[in-house]
Amino acid sequence: DNMTAAALIVAAGRGERLGGPVAKQYQSLAGIPVLRHALLAFCHHPGINAVAAVIRGEDRALYDQAAEGLNLLPPILGGDNRQQSVLHGLQGLESLNPDKILIHDGARPFISAPVIDNVLAGLAAHDGAVAAVPVVDSLKRGDAGRIVAEVRRDDLWRAQTPQGFDFAALLAAHGSADAGHTDDASLARAAGLDVALVAGAE
């Protein structure tokens, strides 16, 4: 089975919600930049053949520090939003032309080998596979600070990353996609791809 899989670590965001002078993917976690934790997980995974990050040009020095000594493809410059950044990343990997692509958020450091395994396994039978965890909390719809409805949580999942896809199919989907998809799974489904849910991790 000569299937090749590449990983694209999306780290071109500004991380504004967390605040602080440095985007969260470059902040230190246990003395190591958050992004490096994510890069390491994919670099060390036997099922992943190549890893590239998508970054902002002005973050190059921070990226070089986070990536030091790791076997990575050259970083790819992102776009104005996540969807554009992923497209730039896919275009940057076109010459490599992997069979499968796993897209992971650089600001999510706690990615484990078993979750990567689950996504790769899901891709054996589906166009896409997304790490997700079932919603266990009670969900409420609110309006002006008051509860206005209870939301049934059966069949509700919290999507995580990595999200894996057939490379050619995802690149084609990005080429024809509308703006405004919140993640690659939504964009892939809009293009008619079959996307499976696989076990993520709390």
N, C-alpha and C. Protein backbone atom coordinates (compact mmCIF):
# COMPACT_ATOMS: atom_id res chain seq x y z
N ASP A 1 0.86 -1.19 0.00
CA ASP A 1 0.00 0.00 0.00
C ASP A 1 0.90 1.24 0.00
N ASN A 2 1.04 1.84 -1.17
CA ASN A 2 1.96 2.98 -1.30
C ASN A 2 1.26 4.33 -1.18
N MET A 3 0.18 4.37 -0.42
CA MET A 3 -0.53 5.63 -0.23
C MET A 3 0.39 6.64 0.46
N THR A 4 0.48 7.83 -0.10
CA THR A 4 1.27 8.87 0.56
C THR A 4 0.33 9.88 1.20
N ALA A 5 0.71 10.34 2.37
CA ALA A 5 -0.09 11.32 3.09
C ALA A 5 0.81 12.47 3.52
N ALA A 6 0.35 13.68 3.25
CA ALA A 6 1.07 14.87 3.69
C ALA A 6 0.22 15.59 4.74
N ALA A 7 0.87 16.38 5.58
CA ALA A 7 0.14 17.16 6.58
C ALA A 7 0.42 18.64 6.34
N LEU A 8 -0.63 19.42 6.43
CA LEU A 8 -0.54 20.87 6.28
C LEU A 8 -0.93 21.46 7.63
N ILE A 9 0.00 22.15 8.27
CA ILE A 9 -0.27 22.74 9.58
C ILE A 9 -0.55 24.22 9.36
N VAL A 10 -1.80 24.61 9.62
CA VAL A 10 -2.22 25.98 9.30
C VAL A 10 -1.92 26.88 10.50
N ALA A 11 -0.96 27.79 10.30
CA ALA A 11 -0.50 28.65 11.40
C ALA A 11 -0.43 30.10 10.95
N ALA A 12 -1.32 30.47 10.02
CA ALA A 12 -1.27 31.82 9.46
C ALA A 12 -2.22 32.79 10.17
N GLY A 13 -2.93 32.29 11.21
CA GLY A 13 -3.87 33.15 11.91
C GLY A 13 -3.17 34.11 12.86
N ARG A 14 -3.91 35.11 13.30
CA ARG A 14 -3.33 36.08 14.24
C ARG A 14 -3.63 35.72 15.68
N GLY A 15 -4.54 34.75 15.88
CA GLY A 15 -4.84 34.31 17.24
C GLY A 15 -5.40 35.42 18.09
N GLU A 16 -6.27 36.26 17.50
CA GLU A 16 -6.72 37.46 18.22
C GLU A 16 -7.58 37.17 19.44
N ARG A 17 -8.30 36.04 19.41
CA ARG A 17 -9.19 35.78 20.55
C ARG A 17 -8.42 35.61 21.85
N LEU A 18 -7.26 34.98 21.77
CA LEU A 18 -6.46 34.76 22.97
C LEU A 18 -5.79 36.05 23.44
N GLY A 19 -5.49 36.93 22.51
CA GLY A 19 -4.85 38.20 22.86
C GLY A 19 -3.37 38.02 23.12
N GLY A 20 -2.71 39.10 23.52
CA GLY A 20 -1.27 39.03 23.77
C GLY A 20 -0.50 39.47 22.55
N PRO A 21 0.78 39.79 22.72
CA PRO A 21 1.58 40.35 21.63
C PRO A 21 1.96 39.31 20.57
N VAL A 22 1.91 38.03 20.94
CA VAL A 22 2.33 36.98 20.01
C VAL A 22 1.13 36.09 19.71
N ALA A 23 0.91 35.75 18.44
CA ALA A 23 -0.19 34.86 18.07
C ALA A 23 -0.06 33.56 18.85
N LYS A 24 -1.22 32.95 19.18
CA LYS A 24 -1.18 31.84 20.15
C LYS A 24 -0.38 30.65 19.66
N GLN A 25 -0.29 30.43 18.33
CA GLN A 25 0.48 29.27 17.86
C GLN A 25 1.98 29.40 18.18
N TYR A 26 2.43 30.61 18.50
CA TYR A 26 3.83 30.82 18.85
C TYR A 26 4.06 31.03 20.34
N GLN A 27 2.98 31.05 21.13
CA GLN A 27 3.16 31.20 22.56
C GLN A 27 3.74 29.91 23.14
N SER A 28 4.37 30.05 24.29
CA SER A 28 5.07 28.92 24.88
C SER A 28 4.13 28.04 25.70
N LEU A 29 4.24 26.73 25.50
CA LEU A 29 3.49 25.76 26.28
C LEU A 29 4.51 24.73 26.77
N ALA A 30 4.70 24.66 28.09
CA ALA A 30 5.74 23.79 28.67
C ALA A 30 7.10 24.10 28.04
N GLY A 31 7.36 25.40 27.82
CA GLY A 31 8.67 25.82 27.32
C GLY A 31 8.88 25.63 25.83
N ILE A 32 7.84 25.19 25.13
CA ILE A 32 7.96 24.92 23.69
C ILE A 32 6.83 25.65 22.97
N PRO A 33 7.10 26.30 21.82
CA PRO A 33 6.00 26.98 21.13
C PRO A 33 4.86 26.00 20.79
N VAL A 34 3.63 26.47 20.96
CA VAL A 34 2.44 25.65 20.66
C VAL A 34 2.58 24.99 19.28
N LEU A 35 3.00 25.76 18.29
CA LEU A 35 3.13 25.23 16.93
C LEU A 35 4.10 24.05 16.87
N ARG A 36 5.19 24.13 17.63
CA ARG A 36 6.18 23.04 17.58
C ARG A 36 5.57 21.72 18.08
N HIS A 37 4.72 21.79 19.11
CA HIS A 37 4.03 20.58 19.58
C HIS A 37 3.27 19.94 18.42
N ALA A 38 2.55 20.76 17.65
CA ALA A 38 1.76 20.24 16.53
C ALA A 38 2.67 19.68 15.43
N LEU A 39 3.73 20.42 15.10
CA LEU A 39 4.65 19.96 14.05
C LEU A 39 5.28 18.62 14.42
N LEU A 40 5.70 18.50 15.68
CA LEU A 40 6.35 17.27 16.14
C LEU A 40 5.45 16.05 15.97
N ALA A 41 4.18 16.21 16.31
CA ALA A 41 3.25 15.07 16.25
C ALA A 41 3.18 14.50 14.83
N PHE A 42 3.18 15.39 13.84
CA PHE A 42 3.07 14.92 12.45
C PHE A 42 4.42 14.48 11.89
N CYS A 43 5.49 15.18 12.27
CA CYS A 43 6.83 14.78 11.80
C CYS A 43 7.18 13.38 12.29
N HIS A 44 6.73 13.02 13.49
CA HIS A 44 7.10 11.74 14.08
C HIS A 44 6.11 10.63 13.76
N HIS A 45 5.04 10.93 13.02
CA HIS A 45 4.03 9.90 12.75
C HIS A 45 4.43 9.09 11.51
N PRO A 46 4.50 7.75 11.63
CA PRO A 46 4.97 6.93 10.50
C PRO A 46 4.05 6.98 9.28
N GLY A 47 2.79 7.35 9.47
CA GLY A 47 1.86 7.38 8.34
C GLY A 47 1.90 8.68 7.55
N ILE A 48 2.68 9.65 8.02
CA ILE A 48 2.75 10.96 7.36
C ILE A 48 4.10 11.09 6.66
N ASN A 49 4.07 11.33 5.35
CA ASN A 49 5.30 11.35 4.56
C ASN A 49 5.95 12.73 4.45
N ALA A 50 5.17 13.79 4.60
CA ALA A 50 5.70 15.14 4.44
C ALA A 50 4.85 16.10 5.26
N VAL A 51 5.50 17.13 5.81
CA VAL A 51 4.80 18.11 6.65
C VAL A 51 5.20 19.51 6.22
N ALA A 52 4.22 20.37 6.02
CA ALA A 52 4.49 21.78 5.71
C ALA A 52 3.57 22.65 6.54
N ALA A 53 4.06 23.81 6.92
CA ALA A 53 3.24 24.78 7.65
C ALA A 53 2.87 25.94 6.74
N VAL A 54 1.70 26.50 7.00
CA VAL A 54 1.26 27.72 6.30
C VAL A 54 1.36 28.85 7.32
N ILE A 55 2.13 29.88 7.00
CA ILE A 55 2.44 30.93 7.98
C ILE A 55 2.23 32.32 7.38
N ARG A 56 2.27 33.33 8.23
CA ARG A 56 2.31 34.72 7.77
C ARG A 56 3.76 35.12 7.55
N GLY A 57 4.00 35.90 6.53
CA GLY A 57 5.36 36.33 6.21
C GLY A 57 6.07 36.98 7.38
N GLU A 58 5.33 37.80 8.12
CA GLU A 58 5.98 38.54 9.22
C GLU A 58 6.28 37.64 10.42
N ASP A 59 5.77 36.41 10.41
CA ASP A 59 6.04 35.47 11.51
C ASP A 59 7.23 34.55 11.20
N ARG A 60 7.96 34.82 10.12
CA ARG A 60 8.98 33.87 9.68
C ARG A 60 10.02 33.56 10.77
N ALA A 61 10.46 34.58 11.49
CA ALA A 61 11.48 34.34 12.53
C ALA A 61 10.91 33.46 13.65
N LEU A 62 9.66 33.72 14.05
CA LEU A 62 9.01 32.91 15.08
C LEU A 62 8.83 31.47 14.57
N TYR A 63 8.45 31.34 13.29
CA TYR A 63 8.29 30.01 12.71
C TYR A 63 9.62 29.25 12.71
N ASP A 64 10.68 29.92 12.26
CA ASP A 64 11.99 29.25 12.19
C ASP A 64 12.41 28.71 13.56
N GLN A 65 12.12 29.48 14.58
CA GLN A 65 12.42 29.07 15.95
C GLN A 65 11.60 27.83 16.33
N ALA A 66 10.30 27.86 16.00
CA ALA A 66 9.40 26.75 16.36
C ALA A 66 9.74 25.48 15.58
N ALA A 67 10.30 25.65 14.37
CA ALA A 67 10.51 24.52 13.46
C ALA A 67 11.94 23.99 13.50
N GLU A 68 12.77 24.60 14.32
CA GLU A 68 14.21 24.30 14.30
C GLU A 68 14.49 22.81 14.43
N GLY A 69 15.31 22.29 13.50
CA GLY A 69 15.75 20.90 13.57
C GLY A 69 14.75 19.87 13.10
N LEU A 70 13.55 20.30 12.70
CA LEU A 70 12.53 19.33 12.25
C LEU A 70 12.61 19.15 10.74
N ASN A 71 12.24 17.95 10.29
CA ASN A 71 12.27 17.63 8.87
C ASN A 71 10.97 18.09 8.22
N LEU A 72 10.96 19.34 7.76
CA LEU A 72 9.75 19.97 7.23
C LEU A 72 10.01 20.47 5.81
N LEU A 73 8.93 20.53 5.02
CA LEU A 73 9.01 21.23 3.74
C LEU A 73 9.09 22.73 4.03
N PRO A 74 9.55 23.54 3.07
CA PRO A 74 9.59 24.99 3.33
C PRO A 74 8.20 25.52 3.66
N PRO A 75 8.12 26.52 4.55
CA PRO A 75 6.80 27.06 4.89
C PRO A 75 6.15 27.75 3.69
N ILE A 76 4.83 27.78 3.70
CA ILE A 76 4.04 28.35 2.61
C ILE A 76 3.33 29.58 3.17
N LEU A 77 3.30 30.66 2.38
CA LEU A 77 2.65 31.88 2.88
C LEU A 77 1.13 31.78 2.77
N GLY A 78 0.47 32.14 3.86
CA GLY A 78 -0.99 32.05 3.92
C GLY A 78 -1.67 33.21 3.22
N GLY A 79 -3.00 33.20 3.31
CA GLY A 79 -3.81 34.26 2.69
C GLY A 79 -4.51 35.09 3.75
N ASP A 80 -5.58 35.78 3.34
CA ASP A 80 -6.26 36.71 4.24
C ASP A 80 -7.14 36.02 5.28
N ASN A 81 -7.50 34.76 5.03
CA ASN A 81 -8.32 34.02 5.98
C ASN A 81 -7.93 32.56 5.92
N ARG A 82 -8.52 31.75 6.77
CA ARG A 82 -8.11 30.35 6.87
C ARG A 82 -8.33 29.61 5.55
N GLN A 83 -9.48 29.85 4.94
CA GLN A 83 -9.80 29.14 3.70
C GLN A 83 -8.75 29.42 2.62
N GLN A 84 -8.37 30.69 2.49
CA GLN A 84 -7.34 31.06 1.50
C GLN A 84 -5.99 30.47 1.88
N SER A 85 -5.70 30.45 3.19
CA SER A 85 -4.43 29.89 3.63
C SER A 85 -4.32 28.41 3.29
N VAL A 86 -5.42 27.67 3.50
CA VAL A 86 -5.41 26.25 3.17
C VAL A 86 -5.22 26.07 1.66
N LEU A 87 -5.91 26.89 0.87
CA LEU A 87 -5.75 26.79 -0.59
C LEU A 87 -4.31 27.04 -1.00
N HIS A 88 -3.68 28.07 -0.43
CA HIS A 88 -2.25 28.33 -0.72
C HIS A 88 -1.41 27.11 -0.36
N GLY A 89 -1.73 26.52 0.80
CA GLY A 89 -0.99 25.34 1.24
C GLY A 89 -1.14 24.18 0.26
N LEU A 90 -2.38 23.93 -0.17
CA LEU A 90 -2.63 22.84 -1.12
C LEU A 90 -1.88 23.10 -2.42
N GLN A 91 -1.93 24.34 -2.90
CA GLN A 91 -1.21 24.68 -4.14
C GLN A 91 0.29 24.49 -3.95
N GLY A 92 0.79 24.80 -2.74
CA GLY A 92 2.21 24.63 -2.46
C GLY A 92 2.64 23.17 -2.44
N LEU A 93 1.69 22.26 -2.23
CA LEU A 93 2.00 20.83 -2.19
C LEU A 93 1.67 20.13 -3.50
N GLU A 94 1.19 20.88 -4.49
CA GLU A 94 0.75 20.26 -5.75
C GLU A 94 1.85 19.47 -6.43
N SER A 95 3.09 19.98 -6.40
CA SER A 95 4.19 19.29 -7.07
C SER A 95 4.48 17.95 -6.37
N LEU A 96 4.24 17.90 -5.06
CA LEU A 96 4.43 16.67 -4.29
C LEU A 96 3.32 15.66 -4.62
N ASN A 97 2.11 16.20 -4.86
CA ASN A 97 0.94 15.42 -5.24
C ASN A 97 0.71 14.19 -4.35
N PRO A 98 0.54 14.39 -3.04
CA PRO A 98 0.26 13.24 -2.16
C PRO A 98 -1.13 12.68 -2.45
N ASP A 99 -1.37 11.44 -2.05
CA ASP A 99 -2.71 10.87 -2.21
C ASP A 99 -3.69 11.52 -1.24
N LYS A 100 -3.22 11.71 0.00
CA LYS A 100 -4.08 12.21 1.07
C LYS A 100 -3.44 13.42 1.72
N ILE A 101 -4.30 14.28 2.25
CA ILE A 101 -3.80 15.47 2.94
C ILE A 101 -4.52 15.59 4.28
N LEU A 102 -3.76 15.81 5.34
CA LEU A 102 -4.35 16.07 6.66
C LEU A 102 -4.12 17.54 6.98
N ILE A 103 -5.19 18.24 7.32
CA ILE A 103 -5.08 19.66 7.63
C ILE A 103 -5.30 19.83 9.13
N HIS A 104 -4.35 20.49 9.77
CA HIS A 104 -4.39 20.62 11.23
C HIS A 104 -4.14 22.07 11.63
N ASP A 105 -4.84 22.53 12.66
CA ASP A 105 -4.64 23.89 13.16
C ASP A 105 -3.38 23.97 14.00
N GLY A 106 -2.49 24.86 13.64
CA GLY A 106 -1.23 25.01 14.37
C GLY A 106 -1.40 25.45 15.80
N ALA A 107 -2.58 25.98 16.14
CA ALA A 107 -2.84 26.41 17.51
C ALA A 107 -3.42 25.29 18.37
N ARG A 108 -3.49 24.06 17.82
CA ARG A 108 -3.96 22.90 18.60
C ARG A 108 -2.77 21.99 18.88
N PRO A 109 -2.15 22.14 20.06
CA PRO A 109 -0.90 21.41 20.32
C PRO A 109 -1.09 19.96 20.75
N PHE A 110 -2.26 19.63 21.31
CA PHE A 110 -2.39 18.31 21.94
C PHE A 110 -2.90 17.26 20.97
N ILE A 111 -2.24 17.15 19.83
CA ILE A 111 -2.70 16.16 18.86
C ILE A 111 -1.91 14.88 19.08
N SER A 112 -2.62 13.75 19.17
CA SER A 112 -1.95 12.49 19.49
C SER A 112 -1.87 11.58 18.27
N ALA A 113 -0.91 10.67 18.30
CA ALA A 113 -0.76 9.70 17.21
C ALA A 113 -2.04 8.89 16.98
N PRO A 114 -2.75 8.43 18.04
CA PRO A 114 -3.97 7.66 17.78
C PRO A 114 -5.03 8.44 17.00
N VAL A 115 -5.16 9.74 17.25
CA VAL A 115 -6.15 10.53 16.51
C VAL A 115 -5.73 10.64 15.04
N ILE A 116 -4.42 10.84 14.79
CA ILE A 116 -3.93 10.86 13.41
C ILE A 116 -4.20 9.51 12.76
N ASP A 117 -3.96 8.41 13.49
CA ASP A 117 -4.27 7.06 12.98
C ASP A 117 -5.75 6.96 12.58
N ASN A 118 -6.64 7.47 13.44
CA ASN A 118 -8.08 7.38 13.19
C ASN A 118 -8.45 8.10 11.90
N VAL A 119 -7.86 9.28 11.69
CA VAL A 119 -8.17 10.05 10.47
C VAL A 119 -7.65 9.30 9.24
N LEU A 120 -6.42 8.79 9.31
CA LEU A 120 -5.87 8.03 8.18
C LEU A 120 -6.72 6.79 7.88
N ALA A 121 -7.18 6.11 8.94
CA ALA A 121 -8.03 4.93 8.75
C ALA A 121 -9.35 5.31 8.08
N GLY A 122 -9.92 6.44 8.51
CA GLY A 122 -11.18 6.90 7.92
C GLY A 122 -11.03 7.19 6.44
N LEU A 123 -9.83 7.64 6.04
CA LEU A 123 -9.59 7.99 4.63
C LEU A 123 -9.47 6.75 3.75
N ALA A 124 -9.30 5.58 4.35
CA ALA A 124 -9.23 4.37 3.54
C ALA A 124 -10.58 4.10 2.88
N ALA A 125 -11.67 4.57 3.50
CA ALA A 125 -13.01 4.25 3.00
C ALA A 125 -13.83 5.47 2.58
N HIS A 126 -13.31 6.67 2.84
CA HIS A 126 -14.10 7.88 2.58
C HIS A 126 -13.24 8.95 1.91
N ASP A 127 -13.91 9.93 1.27
CA ASP A 127 -13.20 11.06 0.65
C ASP A 127 -12.56 11.94 1.71
N GLY A 128 -13.19 11.98 2.89
CA GLY A 128 -12.70 12.83 3.97
C GLY A 128 -12.96 12.18 5.30
N ALA A 129 -12.21 12.57 6.32
CA ALA A 129 -12.41 12.06 7.68
C ALA A 129 -12.02 13.15 8.66
N VAL A 130 -12.89 13.41 9.62
CA VAL A 130 -12.70 14.51 10.55
C VAL A 130 -12.69 13.99 11.98
N ALA A 131 -11.65 14.34 12.73
CA ALA A 131 -11.61 14.01 14.16
C ALA A 131 -12.69 14.82 14.86
N ALA A 132 -13.50 14.15 15.69
CA ALA A 132 -14.59 14.84 16.36
C ALA A 132 -14.93 14.13 17.67
N VAL A 133 -15.52 14.88 18.58
CA VAL A 133 -15.98 14.30 19.84
C VAL A 133 -17.47 14.60 20.01
N PRO A 134 -18.23 13.62 20.55
CA PRO A 134 -19.66 13.87 20.73
C PRO A 134 -19.90 14.98 21.75
N VAL A 135 -20.95 15.75 21.53
CA VAL A 135 -21.33 16.80 22.48
C VAL A 135 -22.01 16.13 23.67
N VAL A 136 -21.49 16.37 24.87
CA VAL A 136 -22.07 15.76 26.06
C VAL A 136 -22.75 16.79 26.96
N ASP A 137 -22.43 18.06 26.79
CA ASP A 137 -23.04 19.09 27.63
C ASP A 137 -24.48 19.34 27.18
N SER A 138 -25.31 19.83 28.12
CA SER A 138 -26.65 20.29 27.74
C SER A 138 -26.49 21.56 26.93
N LEU A 139 -27.19 21.65 25.83
CA LEU A 139 -27.07 22.82 24.96
C LEU A 139 -28.32 23.69 25.07
N LYS A 140 -28.09 24.98 25.15
CA LYS A 140 -29.19 25.95 25.25
C LYS A 140 -29.03 26.99 24.15
N ARG A 141 -30.13 27.41 23.56
CA ARG A 141 -30.08 28.56 22.66
C ARG A 141 -30.46 29.78 23.49
N GLY A 142 -29.65 30.85 23.38
CA GLY A 142 -29.89 32.03 24.20
C GLY A 142 -30.29 33.22 23.34
N ASP A 143 -31.00 34.15 23.96
CA ASP A 143 -31.33 35.41 23.31
C ASP A 143 -31.34 36.47 24.39
N ALA A 144 -30.55 37.53 24.22
CA ALA A 144 -30.48 38.62 25.19
C ALA A 144 -30.24 38.10 26.60
N GLY A 145 -29.38 37.08 26.72
CA GLY A 145 -28.98 36.62 28.04
C GLY A 145 -29.95 35.66 28.70
N ARG A 146 -31.04 35.28 28.00
CA ARG A 146 -31.99 34.32 28.57
C ARG A 146 -32.04 33.07 27.72
N ILE A 147 -32.31 31.93 28.37
CA ILE A 147 -32.49 30.68 27.61
C ILE A 147 -33.81 30.74 26.87
N VAL A 148 -33.77 30.50 25.56
CA VAL A 148 -35.01 30.49 24.79
C VAL A 148 -35.35 29.11 24.24
N ALA A 149 -34.38 28.18 24.27
CA ALA A 149 -34.68 26.83 23.79
C ALA A 149 -33.63 25.85 24.28
N GLU A 150 -34.03 24.59 24.40
CA GLU A 150 -33.08 23.52 24.65
C GLU A 150 -32.76 22.92 23.28
N VAL A 151 -31.49 22.59 23.07
CA VAL A 151 -31.08 22.02 21.78
C VAL A 151 -30.73 20.56 21.99
N ARG A 152 -31.37 19.67 21.25
CA ARG A 152 -31.07 18.24 21.40
C ARG A 152 -29.63 17.98 20.96
N ARG A 153 -28.92 17.20 21.75
CA ARG A 153 -27.50 17.01 21.44
C ARG A 153 -27.24 15.66 20.78
N ASP A 154 -28.26 14.79 20.67
CA ASP A 154 -28.04 13.50 20.00
C ASP A 154 -27.51 13.82 18.61
N ASP A 155 -26.54 13.08 18.17
CA ASP A 155 -25.97 13.25 16.83
C ASP A 155 -25.22 14.57 16.64
N LEU A 156 -24.95 15.30 17.71
CA LEU A 156 -24.14 16.52 17.56
C LEU A 156 -22.69 16.20 17.93
N TRP A 157 -21.77 16.72 17.12
CA TRP A 157 -20.34 16.47 17.31
C TRP A 157 -19.58 17.78 17.26
N ARG A 158 -18.50 17.86 18.05
CA ARG A 158 -17.59 19.01 17.97
C ARG A 158 -16.44 18.62 17.05
N ALA A 159 -16.35 19.28 15.92
CA ALA A 159 -15.27 18.95 14.98
C ALA A 159 -13.95 19.48 15.50
N GLN A 160 -12.91 18.67 15.36
CA GLN A 160 -11.56 19.07 15.73
C GLN A 160 -10.70 19.03 14.47
N THR A 161 -9.41 19.11 14.64
CA THR A 161 -8.49 18.81 13.54
C THR A 161 -7.50 17.79 14.09
N PRO A 162 -6.87 16.95 13.25
CA PRO A 162 -6.84 17.07 11.80
C PRO A 162 -8.14 16.66 11.11
N GLN A 163 -8.30 17.27 9.93
CA GLN A 163 -9.33 16.88 8.99
C GLN A 163 -8.59 16.38 7.76
N GLY A 164 -8.85 15.14 7.37
CA GLY A 164 -8.11 14.54 6.27
C GLY A 164 -8.97 14.36 5.04
N PHE A 165 -8.35 14.43 3.88
CA PHE A 165 -9.09 14.34 2.60
C PHE A 165 -8.24 13.71 1.52
N ASP A 166 -8.92 13.26 0.48
CA ASP A 166 -8.24 12.93 -0.77
C ASP A 166 -7.66 14.25 -1.30
N PHE A 167 -6.36 14.27 -1.60
CA PHE A 167 -5.70 15.54 -1.93
C PHE A 167 -6.31 16.20 -3.18
N ALA A 168 -6.42 15.43 -4.27
CA ALA A 168 -6.92 16.00 -5.53
C ALA A 168 -8.35 16.50 -5.37
N ALA A 169 -9.15 15.74 -4.63
CA ALA A 169 -10.56 16.12 -4.44
C ALA A 169 -10.68 17.40 -3.63
N LEU A 170 -9.84 17.53 -2.58
CA LEU A 170 -9.93 18.74 -1.76
C LEU A 170 -9.43 19.96 -2.53
N LEU A 171 -8.35 19.77 -3.30
CA LEU A 171 -7.83 20.89 -4.09
C LEU A 171 -8.88 21.36 -5.09
N ALA A 172 -9.56 20.42 -5.73
CA ALA A 172 -10.63 20.78 -6.68
C ALA A 172 -11.77 21.49 -5.96
N ALA A 173 -12.13 21.00 -4.76
CA ALA A 173 -13.22 21.60 -4.00
C ALA A 173 -12.87 23.04 -3.62
N HIS A 174 -11.61 23.26 -3.20
CA HIS A 174 -11.18 24.62 -2.85
C HIS A 174 -11.21 25.54 -4.07
N GLY A 175 -10.87 24.99 -5.21
CA GLY A 175 -10.84 25.81 -6.42
C GLY A 175 -12.21 26.33 -6.81
N SER A 176 -13.27 25.59 -6.42
CA SER A 176 -14.62 26.00 -6.85
C SER A 176 -15.48 26.47 -5.67
N ALA A 177 -14.87 26.65 -4.48
CA ALA A 177 -15.66 26.92 -3.28
C ALA A 177 -16.06 28.38 -3.15
N ASP A 178 -17.24 28.59 -2.52
CA ASP A 178 -17.61 29.93 -2.08
C ASP A 178 -16.75 30.28 -0.88
N ALA A 179 -16.70 31.56 -0.56
CA ALA A 179 -16.01 32.00 0.66
C ALA A 179 -16.87 31.66 1.87
N GLY A 180 -16.26 31.71 3.03
CA GLY A 180 -17.04 31.68 4.26
C GLY A 180 -17.28 30.33 4.88
N HIS A 181 -16.60 29.27 4.41
CA HIS A 181 -16.74 27.98 5.10
C HIS A 181 -15.94 28.03 6.39
N THR A 182 -16.49 27.45 7.45
CA THR A 182 -15.80 27.52 8.74
C THR A 182 -14.69 26.49 8.85
N ASP A 183 -14.78 25.40 8.07
CA ASP A 183 -13.70 24.43 8.08
C ASP A 183 -13.68 23.68 6.75
N ASP A 184 -12.66 22.84 6.59
CA ASP A 184 -12.52 22.12 5.33
C ASP A 184 -13.61 21.09 5.12
N ALA A 185 -14.14 20.54 6.23
CA ALA A 185 -15.20 19.54 6.11
C ALA A 185 -16.44 20.16 5.47
N SER A 186 -16.77 21.37 5.88
CA SER A 186 -17.96 22.04 5.33
C SER A 186 -17.75 22.35 3.84
N LEU A 187 -16.55 22.78 3.49
CA LEU A 187 -16.22 23.08 2.10
C LEU A 187 -16.25 21.79 1.26
N ALA A 188 -15.70 20.71 1.81
CA ALA A 188 -15.67 19.43 1.10
C ALA A 188 -17.08 18.90 0.87
N ARG A 189 -17.92 19.00 1.90
CA ARG A 189 -19.30 18.50 1.76
C ARG A 189 -20.07 19.33 0.73
N ALA A 190 -19.79 20.63 0.69
CA ALA A 190 -20.46 21.49 -0.30
C ALA A 190 -20.10 21.05 -1.72
N ALA A 191 -18.91 20.45 -1.87
CA ALA A 191 -18.46 19.97 -3.18
C ALA A 191 -18.91 18.53 -3.44
N GLY A 192 -19.69 17.97 -2.50
CA GLY A 192 -20.24 16.63 -2.71
C GLY A 192 -19.36 15.49 -2.22
N LEU A 193 -18.32 15.81 -1.44
CA LEU A 193 -17.47 14.74 -0.92
C LEU A 193 -18.13 14.07 0.28
N ASP A 194 -17.80 12.80 0.46
CA ASP A 194 -18.33 12.00 1.57
C ASP A 194 -17.32 12.10 2.71
N VAL A 195 -17.75 12.71 3.83
CA VAL A 195 -16.83 12.98 4.94
C VAL A 195 -17.28 12.22 6.19
N ALA A 196 -16.39 11.37 6.69
CA ALA A 196 -16.71 10.54 7.86
C ALA A 196 -16.29 11.25 9.15
N LEU A 197 -16.94 10.88 10.25
CA LEU A 197 -16.53 11.30 11.59
C LEU A 197 -15.69 10.19 12.19
N VAL A 198 -14.53 10.53 12.74
CA VAL A 198 -13.71 9.55 13.46
C VAL A 198 -13.42 10.09 14.85
N ALA A 199 -13.00 9.21 15.75
CA ALA A 199 -12.83 9.61 17.14
C ALA A 199 -11.69 10.58 17.31
N GLY A 200 -11.98 11.75 17.85
CA GLY A 200 -10.97 12.70 18.27
C GLY A 200 -10.66 12.44 19.73
N ALA A 201 -10.24 13.47 20.45
CA ALA A 201 -9.92 13.30 21.86
C ALA A 201 -10.31 14.55 22.63
N GLU A 202 -10.93 14.34 23.80
CA GLU A 202 -11.25 15.51 24.64
C GLU A 202 -9.99 16.28 25.00
